[in-house]
Amino acid sequence: MTQFTFIVRIAKIYREPNKMKTKDEGFTLIELVVVIIILGIVSVIAIPKFISFEDESRDAVMRQTLASVKSAISLVRAKGFASAKDCNSSNSRLASFKSVEINNVQICVDPIQGFPYIDLFRRGTESDQINAMLDLDNNFDQVWWAGGFYLYPKEITDEQSMNCYIFYDFDTKTTEMVNTDC
């Protein structure tokens, strides 16, 4: 091989495009299948964990609301002992009771122990009394009756799954939470 042929060969190599072709055509079918399988496995593992987070957050909200109810009742009792007036109620049961004003709403309290009672004889004010006493946000609905009141999350609409509530009993002065179907 002469020097001239060597130079010609080198010149040809530099002038010709690279003979090695690269594939820039996208993913292969195998790569796509592997990615889909990996995503499926991750979702099977992750979805139950996220559902668990949702259940835990509902439980935490119920526990916080229960603590808020107990705290609010304690504050009403303290205010009742400190500055109670006569409860002007047409309910004979509440005639001897005292009252406190909380958030511009009159709430009757037991004169001996100071526990709050909702005056059901003042029609249209039961929810006002509960909201004034508890200062609830709009995440809970309430049901009241002569013996107490229930609070339950607004997202619960199925009557079959009503095992998610907080209950305050006027007679026993207890607050309890049921959260088996939250």
N, C-alpha and C. Protein backbone atom coordinates (compact mmCIF):
# COMPACT_ATOMS: atom_id res chain seq x y z
N MET A 1 0.83 -1.14 0.00
CA MET A 1 0.00 0.00 0.00
C MET A 1 0.90 1.23 0.00
N THR A 2 0.61 2.03 -0.94
CA THR A 2 1.40 3.25 -1.07
C THR A 2 0.83 4.31 -0.17
N GLN A 3 1.62 5.32 -0.07
CA GLN A 3 1.20 6.42 0.78
C GLN A 3 -0.02 7.11 0.19
N PHE A 4 -0.11 7.16 -1.09
CA PHE A 4 -1.23 7.81 -1.75
C PHE A 4 -2.54 7.05 -1.49
N THR A 5 -2.52 5.73 -1.62
CA THR A 5 -3.73 4.95 -1.38
C THR A 5 -4.16 5.04 0.09
N PHE A 6 -3.22 5.12 0.96
CA PHE A 6 -3.53 5.28 2.38
C PHE A 6 -4.26 6.59 2.63
N ILE A 7 -3.79 7.66 2.02
CA ILE A 7 -4.42 8.97 2.19
C ILE A 7 -5.82 8.97 1.57
N VAL A 8 -5.98 8.31 0.44
CA VAL A 8 -7.29 8.24 -0.21
C VAL A 8 -8.27 7.49 0.68
N ARG A 9 -7.81 6.42 1.28
CA ARG A 9 -8.70 5.65 2.17
C ARG A 9 -9.12 6.49 3.38
N ILE A 10 -8.21 7.20 3.97
CA ILE A 10 -8.55 8.04 5.12
C ILE A 10 -9.51 9.15 4.70
N ALA A 11 -9.31 9.72 3.54
CA ALA A 11 -10.21 10.76 3.05
C ALA A 11 -11.60 10.20 2.84
N LYS A 12 -11.70 8.97 2.33
CA LYS A 12 -13.01 8.35 2.13
C LYS A 12 -13.72 8.14 3.47
N ILE A 13 -12.96 7.73 4.45
CA ILE A 13 -13.56 7.48 5.77
C ILE A 13 -14.15 8.77 6.33
N TYR A 14 -13.43 9.86 6.17
CA TYR A 14 -13.92 11.13 6.70
C TYR A 14 -15.09 11.68 5.89
N ARG A 15 -15.13 11.39 4.58
CA ARG A 15 -16.22 11.90 3.75
C ARG A 15 -17.49 11.08 3.89
N GLU A 16 -17.41 9.80 4.12
CA GLU A 16 -18.60 8.95 4.21
C GLU A 16 -19.25 9.12 5.58
N PRO A 17 -20.54 9.10 5.57
CA PRO A 17 -21.21 9.14 6.88
C PRO A 17 -20.92 7.87 7.66
N ASN A 18 -21.11 7.97 8.92
CA ASN A 18 -20.83 6.85 9.80
C ASN A 18 -21.67 5.65 9.39
N LYS A 19 -21.03 4.53 9.21
CA LYS A 19 -21.75 3.35 8.77
C LYS A 19 -22.51 2.70 9.93
N MET A 20 -22.16 3.05 11.16
CA MET A 20 -22.89 2.52 12.32
C MET A 20 -24.19 3.29 12.45
N LYS A 21 -25.30 2.64 12.25
CA LYS A 21 -26.60 3.31 12.36
C LYS A 21 -27.08 3.18 13.80
N THR A 22 -27.53 4.30 14.34
CA THR A 22 -28.10 4.27 15.69
C THR A 22 -29.62 4.24 15.55
N LYS A 23 -30.24 3.58 16.50
CA LYS A 23 -31.70 3.49 16.47
C LYS A 23 -32.27 4.60 17.34
N ASP A 24 -32.91 5.55 16.73
CA ASP A 24 -33.62 6.60 17.45
C ASP A 24 -35.11 6.50 17.12
N GLU A 25 -35.62 5.30 17.20
CA GLU A 25 -36.99 5.06 16.78
C GLU A 25 -37.95 4.96 17.96
N GLY A 26 -37.53 5.11 19.18
CA GLY A 26 -38.42 5.02 20.34
C GLY A 26 -38.15 3.77 21.15
N PHE A 27 -39.13 3.41 21.98
CA PHE A 27 -38.98 2.25 22.85
C PHE A 27 -39.37 0.98 22.11
N THR A 28 -38.74 -0.09 22.53
CA THR A 28 -39.13 -1.38 21.97
C THR A 28 -40.35 -1.89 22.71
N LEU A 29 -40.99 -2.86 22.15
CA LEU A 29 -42.18 -3.44 22.76
C LEU A 29 -41.84 -4.05 24.12
N ILE A 30 -40.70 -4.67 24.23
CA ILE A 30 -40.29 -5.29 25.49
C ILE A 30 -40.11 -4.23 26.57
N GLU A 31 -39.49 -3.12 26.22
CA GLU A 31 -39.30 -2.04 27.20
C GLU A 31 -40.65 -1.50 27.68
N LEU A 32 -41.58 -1.32 26.77
CA LEU A 32 -42.91 -0.84 27.15
C LEU A 32 -43.63 -1.82 28.06
N VAL A 33 -43.56 -3.10 27.76
CA VAL A 33 -44.20 -4.12 28.59
C VAL A 33 -43.59 -4.13 29.98
N VAL A 34 -42.27 -4.03 30.07
CA VAL A 34 -41.60 -4.02 31.37
C VAL A 34 -42.04 -2.81 32.19
N VAL A 35 -42.13 -1.64 31.56
CA VAL A 35 -42.56 -0.43 32.28
C VAL A 35 -44.00 -0.58 32.76
N ILE A 36 -44.88 -1.13 31.93
CA ILE A 36 -46.28 -1.33 32.33
C ILE A 36 -46.38 -2.30 33.49
N ILE A 37 -45.60 -3.36 33.47
CA ILE A 37 -45.61 -4.33 34.58
C ILE A 37 -45.12 -3.67 35.86
N ILE A 38 -44.06 -2.90 35.77
CA ILE A 38 -43.52 -2.21 36.97
C ILE A 38 -44.55 -1.23 37.52
N LEU A 39 -45.21 -0.46 36.65
CA LEU A 39 -46.25 0.47 37.11
C LEU A 39 -47.41 -0.28 37.76
N GLY A 40 -47.78 -1.42 37.21
CA GLY A 40 -48.85 -2.22 37.80
C GLY A 40 -48.49 -2.71 39.19
N ILE A 41 -47.27 -3.18 39.36
CA ILE A 41 -46.82 -3.66 40.67
C ILE A 41 -46.79 -2.51 41.68
N VAL A 42 -46.27 -1.37 41.27
CA VAL A 42 -46.22 -0.21 42.17
C VAL A 42 -47.62 0.24 42.56
N SER A 43 -48.56 0.25 41.61
CA SER A 43 -49.91 0.69 41.94
C SER A 43 -50.61 -0.30 42.87
N VAL A 44 -50.37 -1.59 42.70
CA VAL A 44 -50.97 -2.59 43.59
C VAL A 44 -50.45 -2.40 45.01
N ILE A 45 -49.22 -2.00 45.15
CA ILE A 45 -48.64 -1.78 46.47
C ILE A 45 -49.06 -0.43 47.03
N ALA A 46 -49.12 0.60 46.20
CA ALA A 46 -49.34 1.96 46.68
C ALA A 46 -50.80 2.29 46.95
N ILE A 47 -51.73 1.79 46.17
CA ILE A 47 -53.14 2.16 46.33
C ILE A 47 -53.68 1.79 47.71
N PRO A 48 -53.45 0.58 48.22
CA PRO A 48 -53.94 0.29 49.58
C PRO A 48 -53.33 1.22 50.63
N LYS A 49 -52.09 1.62 50.42
CA LYS A 49 -51.46 2.53 51.38
C LYS A 49 -52.16 3.88 51.36
N PHE A 50 -52.50 4.39 50.17
CA PHE A 50 -53.21 5.67 50.08
C PHE A 50 -54.61 5.56 50.67
N ILE A 51 -55.28 4.43 50.47
CA ILE A 51 -56.60 4.23 51.08
C ILE A 51 -56.46 4.23 52.59
N SER A 52 -55.41 3.62 53.09
CA SER A 52 -55.15 3.62 54.52
C SER A 52 -54.93 5.04 55.03
N PHE A 53 -54.22 5.86 54.27
CA PHE A 53 -54.03 7.26 54.67
C PHE A 53 -55.36 7.98 54.77
N GLU A 54 -56.27 7.71 53.84
CA GLU A 54 -57.59 8.36 53.86
C GLU A 54 -58.37 7.95 55.11
N ASP A 55 -58.35 6.67 55.44
CA ASP A 55 -59.04 6.19 56.64
C ASP A 55 -58.42 6.80 57.90
N GLU A 56 -57.10 6.85 57.93
CA GLU A 56 -56.42 7.42 59.09
C GLU A 56 -56.72 8.91 59.24
N SER A 57 -56.83 9.61 58.14
CA SER A 57 -57.13 11.04 58.23
C SER A 57 -58.56 11.27 58.71
N ARG A 58 -59.52 10.44 58.27
CA ARG A 58 -60.89 10.56 58.78
C ARG A 58 -60.93 10.29 60.28
N ASP A 59 -60.21 9.26 60.69
CA ASP A 59 -60.15 8.93 62.12
C ASP A 59 -59.54 10.07 62.91
N ALA A 60 -58.50 10.69 62.37
CA ALA A 60 -57.86 11.81 63.05
C ALA A 60 -58.81 13.00 63.16
N VAL A 61 -59.57 13.27 62.11
CA VAL A 61 -60.54 14.38 62.15
C VAL A 61 -61.61 14.10 63.20
N MET A 62 -62.08 12.86 63.26
CA MET A 62 -63.10 12.51 64.28
C MET A 62 -62.53 12.68 65.69
N ARG A 63 -61.31 12.22 65.90
CA ARG A 63 -60.70 12.35 67.23
C ARG A 63 -60.48 13.82 67.60
N GLN A 64 -60.05 14.62 66.64
CA GLN A 64 -59.86 16.05 66.91
C GLN A 64 -61.18 16.74 67.21
N THR A 65 -62.23 16.36 66.49
CA THR A 65 -63.54 16.95 66.75
C THR A 65 -64.06 16.53 68.11
N LEU A 66 -63.84 15.27 68.48
CA LEU A 66 -64.23 14.81 69.81
C LEU A 66 -63.51 15.62 70.89
N ALA A 67 -62.22 15.83 70.71
CA ALA A 67 -61.46 16.63 71.67
C ALA A 67 -61.98 18.07 71.71
N SER A 68 -62.35 18.61 70.56
CA SER A 68 -62.90 19.97 70.50
C SER A 68 -64.23 20.06 71.23
N VAL A 69 -65.07 19.04 71.06
CA VAL A 69 -66.37 19.02 71.75
C VAL A 69 -66.16 18.98 73.26
N LYS A 70 -65.27 18.10 73.71
CA LYS A 70 -65.00 18.01 75.16
C LYS A 70 -64.44 19.32 75.69
N SER A 71 -63.55 19.92 74.94
CA SER A 71 -62.95 21.20 75.35
C SER A 71 -64.00 22.30 75.39
N ALA A 72 -64.87 22.34 74.38
CA ALA A 72 -65.92 23.37 74.34
C ALA A 72 -66.88 23.21 75.51
N ILE A 73 -67.23 21.98 75.84
CA ILE A 73 -68.12 21.74 76.98
C ILE A 73 -67.45 22.19 78.27
N SER A 74 -66.16 21.93 78.41
CA SER A 74 -65.43 22.39 79.60
C SER A 74 -65.40 23.91 79.68
N LEU A 75 -65.23 24.57 78.55
CA LEU A 75 -65.23 26.04 78.55
C LEU A 75 -66.60 26.60 78.88
N VAL A 76 -67.66 25.97 78.38
CA VAL A 76 -69.02 26.42 78.72
C VAL A 76 -69.26 26.23 80.21
N ARG A 77 -68.80 25.12 80.76
CA ARG A 77 -68.95 24.88 82.21
C ARG A 77 -68.21 25.95 83.00
N ALA A 78 -66.99 26.25 82.59
CA ALA A 78 -66.20 27.27 83.31
C ALA A 78 -66.88 28.62 83.24
N LYS A 79 -67.38 28.97 82.08
CA LYS A 79 -68.07 30.26 81.94
C LYS A 79 -69.37 30.24 82.74
N GLY A 80 -70.03 29.09 82.79
CA GLY A 80 -71.27 28.97 83.57
C GLY A 80 -71.03 29.19 85.05
N PHE A 81 -69.92 28.69 85.56
CA PHE A 81 -69.62 28.89 86.98
C PHE A 81 -69.21 30.34 87.25
N ALA A 82 -68.60 30.96 86.27
CA ALA A 82 -68.08 32.31 86.47
C ALA A 82 -69.14 33.39 86.28
N SER A 83 -69.99 33.26 85.29
CA SER A 83 -70.88 34.39 84.98
C SER A 83 -72.24 33.95 84.47
N ALA A 84 -72.88 33.03 85.15
CA ALA A 84 -74.18 32.54 84.68
C ALA A 84 -75.31 33.45 85.14
N LYS A 85 -76.32 33.56 84.28
CA LYS A 85 -77.55 34.30 84.58
C LYS A 85 -78.69 33.29 84.56
N ASP A 86 -79.89 33.76 84.86
CA ASP A 86 -81.04 32.86 84.79
C ASP A 86 -81.33 32.49 83.35
N CYS A 87 -81.72 31.23 83.16
CA CYS A 87 -82.07 30.75 81.82
C CYS A 87 -83.54 31.05 81.59
N ASN A 88 -83.82 31.94 80.70
CA ASN A 88 -85.20 32.31 80.39
C ASN A 88 -85.75 31.34 79.36
N SER A 89 -86.24 30.21 79.85
CA SER A 89 -86.73 29.17 78.95
C SER A 89 -88.17 28.83 79.30
N SER A 90 -88.94 28.48 78.30
CA SER A 90 -90.31 28.02 78.55
C SER A 90 -90.33 26.54 78.91
N ASN A 91 -89.19 25.90 78.87
CA ASN A 91 -89.05 24.50 79.24
C ASN A 91 -89.00 24.42 80.76
N SER A 92 -89.98 23.72 81.36
CA SER A 92 -90.03 23.64 82.83
C SER A 92 -88.80 22.93 83.39
N ARG A 93 -88.23 22.01 82.62
CA ARG A 93 -87.04 21.30 83.08
C ARG A 93 -85.86 22.26 83.24
N LEU A 94 -85.82 23.31 82.41
CA LEU A 94 -84.70 24.24 82.44
C LEU A 94 -85.00 25.49 83.28
N ALA A 95 -86.12 25.51 83.99
CA ALA A 95 -86.51 26.71 84.75
C ALA A 95 -85.48 27.08 85.81
N SER A 96 -84.89 26.10 86.45
CA SER A 96 -83.91 26.38 87.50
C SER A 96 -82.49 26.53 86.95
N PHE A 97 -82.34 26.37 85.66
CA PHE A 97 -81.01 26.40 85.05
C PHE A 97 -80.51 27.83 84.90
N LYS A 98 -79.22 27.93 84.73
CA LYS A 98 -78.57 29.21 84.46
C LYS A 98 -78.24 29.26 82.97
N SER A 99 -77.80 30.40 82.50
CA SER A 99 -77.42 30.48 81.09
C SER A 99 -76.16 31.32 80.94
N VAL A 100 -75.46 31.03 79.88
CA VAL A 100 -74.29 31.82 79.51
C VAL A 100 -74.48 32.24 78.06
N GLU A 101 -73.84 33.33 77.71
CA GLU A 101 -73.91 33.79 76.33
C GLU A 101 -72.58 33.51 75.65
N ILE A 102 -72.66 32.74 74.59
CA ILE A 102 -71.46 32.39 73.83
C ILE A 102 -71.74 32.72 72.37
N ASN A 103 -70.88 33.54 71.79
CA ASN A 103 -71.06 33.97 70.40
C ASN A 103 -72.46 34.53 70.16
N ASN A 104 -72.94 35.34 71.10
CA ASN A 104 -74.24 36.01 71.03
C ASN A 104 -75.43 35.04 71.04
N VAL A 105 -75.25 33.86 71.59
CA VAL A 105 -76.32 32.87 71.69
C VAL A 105 -76.41 32.42 73.14
N GLN A 106 -77.65 32.36 73.66
CA GLN A 106 -77.86 31.94 75.04
C GLN A 106 -77.85 30.41 75.10
N ILE A 107 -77.02 29.88 76.02
CA ILE A 107 -76.94 28.44 76.22
C ILE A 107 -77.22 28.16 77.69
N CYS A 108 -78.20 27.29 77.95
CA CYS A 108 -78.56 26.95 79.32
C CYS A 108 -77.56 25.94 79.88
N VAL A 109 -77.23 26.13 81.16
CA VAL A 109 -76.29 25.23 81.83
C VAL A 109 -76.89 24.76 83.14
N ASP A 110 -76.52 23.56 83.52
CA ASP A 110 -76.95 22.97 84.78
C ASP A 110 -76.40 23.83 85.92
N PRO A 111 -77.25 24.28 86.85
CA PRO A 111 -76.76 25.18 87.90
C PRO A 111 -75.81 24.50 88.89
N ILE A 112 -75.84 23.19 88.98
CA ILE A 112 -75.00 22.50 89.95
C ILE A 112 -73.66 22.09 89.33
N GLN A 113 -73.72 21.43 88.18
CA GLN A 113 -72.49 20.93 87.56
C GLN A 113 -72.02 21.77 86.38
N GLY A 114 -72.85 22.64 85.87
CA GLY A 114 -72.45 23.55 84.80
C GLY A 114 -72.45 22.97 83.40
N PHE A 115 -72.97 21.75 83.23
CA PHE A 115 -72.99 21.15 81.90
C PHE A 115 -74.03 21.82 81.01
N PRO A 116 -73.72 22.00 79.73
CA PRO A 116 -74.67 22.68 78.84
C PRO A 116 -75.84 21.78 78.43
N TYR A 117 -76.97 22.42 78.21
CA TYR A 117 -78.16 21.79 77.66
C TYR A 117 -78.63 22.63 76.48
N ILE A 118 -79.10 21.96 75.46
CA ILE A 118 -79.66 22.67 74.32
C ILE A 118 -81.15 22.84 74.58
N ASP A 119 -81.62 24.07 74.53
CA ASP A 119 -83.03 24.38 74.80
C ASP A 119 -83.84 24.11 73.54
N LEU A 120 -84.51 22.96 73.53
CA LEU A 120 -85.28 22.57 72.35
C LEU A 120 -86.59 23.33 72.21
N PHE A 121 -86.98 24.08 73.23
CA PHE A 121 -88.22 24.84 73.15
C PHE A 121 -88.04 26.14 72.38
N ARG A 122 -86.83 26.49 72.11
CA ARG A 122 -86.56 27.65 71.26
C ARG A 122 -86.38 27.16 69.84
N ARG A 123 -87.45 26.96 69.17
CA ARG A 123 -87.40 26.39 67.81
C ARG A 123 -86.53 27.23 66.89
N GLY A 124 -85.76 26.53 66.09
CA GLY A 124 -84.91 27.22 65.13
C GLY A 124 -83.57 27.63 65.69
N THR A 125 -83.36 27.40 66.99
CA THR A 125 -82.08 27.83 67.56
C THR A 125 -81.21 26.67 68.02
N GLU A 126 -81.69 25.44 67.88
CA GLU A 126 -80.89 24.31 68.36
C GLU A 126 -79.53 24.28 67.66
N SER A 127 -79.54 24.37 66.34
CA SER A 127 -78.26 24.33 65.63
C SER A 127 -77.44 25.57 65.94
N ASP A 128 -78.10 26.72 66.16
CA ASP A 128 -77.36 27.92 66.54
C ASP A 128 -76.67 27.73 67.88
N GLN A 129 -77.36 27.08 68.82
CA GLN A 129 -76.77 26.84 70.14
C GLN A 129 -75.57 25.89 70.03
N ILE A 130 -75.73 24.83 69.25
CA ILE A 130 -74.63 23.87 69.09
C ILE A 130 -73.45 24.53 68.38
N ASN A 131 -73.73 25.27 67.31
CA ASN A 131 -72.65 25.93 66.57
C ASN A 131 -71.95 26.98 67.42
N ALA A 132 -72.71 27.72 68.23
CA ALA A 132 -72.09 28.73 69.09
C ALA A 132 -71.21 28.07 70.14
N MET A 133 -71.69 26.97 70.69
CA MET A 133 -70.94 26.30 71.75
C MET A 133 -69.70 25.60 71.19
N LEU A 134 -69.83 24.93 70.06
CA LEU A 134 -68.74 24.11 69.53
C LEU A 134 -67.91 24.81 68.48
N ASP A 135 -68.45 25.84 67.86
CA ASP A 135 -67.76 26.58 66.80
C ASP A 135 -67.25 25.62 65.72
N LEU A 136 -68.19 24.83 65.20
CA LEU A 136 -67.85 23.80 64.21
C LEU A 136 -67.65 24.40 62.83
N ASP A 137 -66.83 23.71 62.04
CA ASP A 137 -66.71 24.10 60.63
C ASP A 137 -67.84 23.41 59.85
N ASN A 138 -67.83 23.57 58.56
CA ASN A 138 -68.91 23.03 57.74
C ASN A 138 -68.72 21.58 57.34
N ASN A 139 -67.82 20.87 57.99
CA ASN A 139 -67.57 19.48 57.64
C ASN A 139 -68.47 18.50 58.39
N PHE A 140 -69.26 19.01 59.35
CA PHE A 140 -70.09 18.14 60.16
C PHE A 140 -71.55 18.59 60.11
N ASP A 141 -72.44 17.60 60.05
CA ASP A 141 -73.87 17.85 60.22
C ASP A 141 -74.21 17.50 61.65
N GLN A 142 -75.36 17.97 62.10
CA GLN A 142 -75.76 17.71 63.47
C GLN A 142 -77.22 17.29 63.53
N VAL A 143 -77.49 16.44 64.50
CA VAL A 143 -78.85 16.01 64.79
C VAL A 143 -79.01 16.17 66.29
N TRP A 144 -80.04 16.84 66.73
CA TRP A 144 -80.26 17.05 68.15
C TRP A 144 -81.61 16.49 68.53
N TRP A 145 -81.73 16.14 69.78
CA TRP A 145 -82.99 15.65 70.33
C TRP A 145 -82.97 15.95 71.81
N ALA A 146 -84.00 15.59 72.54
CA ALA A 146 -84.12 15.98 73.95
C ALA A 146 -83.00 15.42 74.81
N GLY A 147 -82.37 14.33 74.41
CA GLY A 147 -81.35 13.72 75.23
C GLY A 147 -79.93 14.10 74.88
N GLY A 148 -79.73 14.81 73.79
CA GLY A 148 -78.37 15.17 73.41
C GLY A 148 -78.29 15.55 71.94
N PHE A 149 -77.09 15.46 71.41
CA PHE A 149 -76.92 15.74 69.99
C PHE A 149 -75.83 14.86 69.39
N TYR A 150 -75.98 14.62 68.10
CA TYR A 150 -75.03 13.85 67.31
C TYR A 150 -74.33 14.77 66.32
N LEU A 151 -73.07 14.52 66.09
CA LEU A 151 -72.32 15.18 65.02
C LEU A 151 -71.78 14.07 64.12
N TYR A 152 -71.96 14.24 62.82
CA TYR A 152 -71.43 13.24 61.90
C TYR A 152 -70.89 13.94 60.66
N PRO A 153 -69.87 13.36 60.02
CA PRO A 153 -69.28 14.00 58.83
C PRO A 153 -70.29 14.14 57.70
N LYS A 154 -70.25 15.27 57.02
CA LYS A 154 -71.19 15.51 55.92
C LYS A 154 -71.01 14.54 54.77
N GLU A 155 -69.82 14.00 54.63
CA GLU A 155 -69.57 13.09 53.50
C GLU A 155 -70.29 11.76 53.66
N ILE A 156 -70.79 11.47 54.85
CA ILE A 156 -71.52 10.22 55.07
C ILE A 156 -72.98 10.45 54.69
N THR A 157 -73.42 9.76 53.67
CA THR A 157 -74.80 9.93 53.21
C THR A 157 -75.58 8.63 53.29
N ASP A 158 -74.91 7.52 53.41
CA ASP A 158 -75.57 6.23 53.45
C ASP A 158 -76.10 5.97 54.85
N GLU A 159 -77.40 5.78 54.96
CA GLU A 159 -77.99 5.55 56.28
C GLU A 159 -77.55 4.22 56.89
N GLN A 160 -77.10 3.29 56.06
CA GLN A 160 -76.65 2.00 56.57
C GLN A 160 -75.33 2.14 57.33
N SER A 161 -74.52 3.11 56.95
CA SER A 161 -73.19 3.23 57.57
C SER A 161 -73.14 4.42 58.52
N MET A 162 -74.08 4.47 59.43
CA MET A 162 -74.11 5.58 60.38
C MET A 162 -73.33 5.26 61.65
N ASN A 163 -72.31 4.47 61.55
CA ASN A 163 -71.46 4.20 62.69
C ASN A 163 -70.23 5.09 62.65
N CYS A 164 -70.47 6.36 62.38
CA CYS A 164 -69.40 7.35 62.34
C CYS A 164 -69.98 8.65 62.88
N TYR A 165 -69.92 8.83 64.20
CA TYR A 165 -70.53 10.02 64.79
C TYR A 165 -69.90 10.31 66.15
N ILE A 166 -70.19 11.50 66.63
CA ILE A 166 -69.84 11.91 67.99
C ILE A 166 -71.16 12.24 68.68
N PHE A 167 -71.33 11.76 69.89
CA PHE A 167 -72.59 11.94 70.61
C PHE A 167 -72.33 12.58 71.97
N TYR A 168 -73.13 13.59 72.29
CA TYR A 168 -73.10 14.18 73.63
C TYR A 168 -74.45 13.93 74.27
N ASP A 169 -74.45 13.30 75.44
CA ASP A 169 -75.67 12.96 76.17
C ASP A 169 -75.87 13.97 77.29
N PHE A 170 -77.00 14.69 77.25
CA PHE A 170 -77.27 15.72 78.26
C PHE A 170 -77.44 15.11 79.65
N ASP A 171 -78.07 13.94 79.73
CA ASP A 171 -78.38 13.37 81.04
C ASP A 171 -77.16 12.76 81.72
N THR A 172 -76.36 12.01 80.97
CA THR A 172 -75.19 11.38 81.59
C THR A 172 -73.95 12.26 81.50
N LYS A 173 -74.05 13.37 80.76
CA LYS A 173 -72.93 14.32 80.58
C LYS A 173 -71.70 13.64 80.00
N THR A 174 -71.93 12.73 79.09
CA THR A 174 -70.82 12.01 78.47
C THR A 174 -70.73 12.36 76.99
N THR A 175 -69.54 12.28 76.49
CA THR A 175 -69.28 12.49 75.07
C THR A 175 -68.58 11.23 74.57
N GLU A 176 -69.12 10.66 73.52
CA GLU A 176 -68.51 9.45 72.98
C GLU A 176 -68.40 9.54 71.47
N MET A 177 -67.49 8.74 70.94
CA MET A 177 -67.27 8.71 69.50
C MET A 177 -67.41 7.28 69.01
N VAL A 178 -68.13 7.10 67.92
CA VAL A 178 -68.22 5.82 67.24
C VAL A 178 -67.66 6.04 65.85
N ASN A 179 -66.62 5.32 65.51
CA ASN A 179 -65.99 5.51 64.19
C ASN A 179 -65.65 4.19 63.52
N THR A 180 -66.58 3.25 63.60
CA THR A 180 -66.33 1.95 62.98
C THR A 180 -66.59 1.96 61.48
N ASP A 181 -67.41 2.89 60.98
CA ASP A 181 -67.70 2.96 59.54
C ASP A 181 -67.26 4.28 58.92
N CYS A 182 -66.22 4.87 59.44
CA CYS A 182 -65.78 6.16 58.90
C CYS A 182 -64.98 5.98 57.62
